[in-house]
Amino acid sequence: MSAWIWILIILILIGAGIGIYFWLTGDSSPIANGGNSIPQPPALPTG
């Protein structure tokens, strides 16, 4: 049973590390923009 506790602790630490990484890099929504921080180009004017 203690193995499940260690697995849970490791997953929490990994999740916290990823969250702190994105928080420190300033990318607040890495999932919403497809995981990349490349800005979209402006829309082309229509005729």
C-alpha atoms as a PDB file:
ATOM      1  CA  MET A   1       0.000   0.000   0.000  1.00  0.00           C
ATOM      2  CA  SER A   2       2.895   2.354   0.640  1.00  0.00           C
ATOM      3  CA  ALA A   3       3.849   2.144  -3.036  1.00  0.00           C
ATOM      4  CA  TRP A   4       0.645   3.993  -3.969  1.00  0.00           C
ATOM      5  CA  ILE A   5       1.529   6.745  -1.515  1.00  0.00           C
ATOM      6  CA  TRP A   6       4.981   7.188  -3.057  1.00  0.00           C
ATOM      7  CA  ILE A   7       3.503   7.235  -6.561  1.00  0.00           C
ATOM      8  CA  LEU A   8       0.995   9.884  -5.468  1.00  0.00           C
ATOM      9  CA  ILE A   9       3.727  12.013  -3.868  1.00  0.00           C
ATOM     10  CA  ILE A  10       5.881  11.781  -7.011  1.00  0.00           C
ATOM     11  CA  LEU A  11       2.970  12.787  -9.251  1.00  0.00           C
ATOM     12  CA  ILE A  12       2.174  15.759  -7.009  1.00  0.00           C
ATOM     13  CA  LEU A  13       5.811  16.884  -7.077  1.00  0.00           C
ATOM     14  CA  ILE A  14       5.964  16.576 -10.869  1.00  0.00           C
ATOM     15  CA  GLY A  15       2.721  18.536 -11.248  1.00  0.00           C
ATOM     16  CA  ALA A  16       3.920  21.234  -8.865  1.00  0.00           C
ATOM     17  CA  GLY A  17       7.231  21.481 -10.703  1.00  0.00           C
ATOM     18  CA  ILE A  18       5.511  21.906 -14.063  1.00  0.00           C
ATOM     19  CA  GLY A  19       3.151  24.506 -12.600  1.00  0.00           C
ATOM     20  CA  ILE A  20       6.006  26.488 -11.032  1.00  0.00           C
ATOM     21  CA  TYR A  21       7.964  26.305 -14.295  1.00  0.00           C
ATOM     22  CA  PHE A  22       5.113  27.781 -16.334  1.00  0.00           C
ATOM     23  CA  TRP A  23       4.438  30.345 -13.595  1.00  0.00           C
ATOM     24  CA  LEU A  24       8.055  31.518 -13.576  1.00  0.00           C
ATOM     25  CA  THR A  25       8.312  31.640 -17.370  1.00  0.00           C
ATOM     26  CA  GLY A  26       5.160  33.775 -17.511  1.00  0.00           C
ATOM     27  CA  ASP A  27       3.245  31.394 -19.782  1.00  0.00           C
ATOM     28  CA  SER A  28       0.009  31.260 -17.827  1.00  0.00           C
ATOM     29  CA  SER A  29      -1.920  29.014 -20.245  1.00  0.00           C
ATOM     30  CA  PRO A  30       0.363  26.505 -21.979  1.00  0.00           C
ATOM     31  CA  ILE A  31      -2.547  24.213 -22.879  1.00  0.00           C
ATOM     32  CA  ALA A  32      -4.811  26.906 -24.330  1.00  0.00           C
ATOM     33  CA  ASN A  33      -2.305  28.041 -26.951  1.00  0.00           C
ATOM     34  CA  GLY A  34      -1.250  24.555 -28.021  1.00  0.00           C
ATOM     35  CA  GLY A  35       1.773  24.266 -25.757  1.00  0.00           C
ATOM     36  CA  ASN A  36       3.957  26.721 -27.649  1.00  0.00           C
ATOM     37  CA  SER A  37       4.676  30.324 -26.756  1.00  0.00           C
ATOM     38  CA  ILE A  38       4.920  31.533 -30.368  1.00  0.00           C
ATOM     39  CA  PRO A  39       2.485  34.435 -30.884  1.00  0.00           C
ATOM     40  CA  GLN A  40       0.018  34.248 -33.727  1.00  0.00           C
ATOM     41  CA  PRO A  41       0.694  36.535 -36.704  1.00  0.00           C
ATOM     42  CA  PRO A  42      -1.812  39.354 -37.269  1.00  0.00           C
ATOM     43  CA  ALA A  43      -4.815  38.601 -39.459  1.00  0.00           C
ATOM     44  CA  LEU A  44      -4.480  39.493 -43.109  1.00  0.00           C
ATOM     45  CA  PRO A  45      -6.679  42.358 -44.286  1.00  0.00           C
ATOM     46  CA  THR A  46      -9.515  41.275 -46.535  1.00  0.00           C
ATOM     47  CA  GLY A  47      -9.537  43.007 -49.941  1.00  0.00           C
END
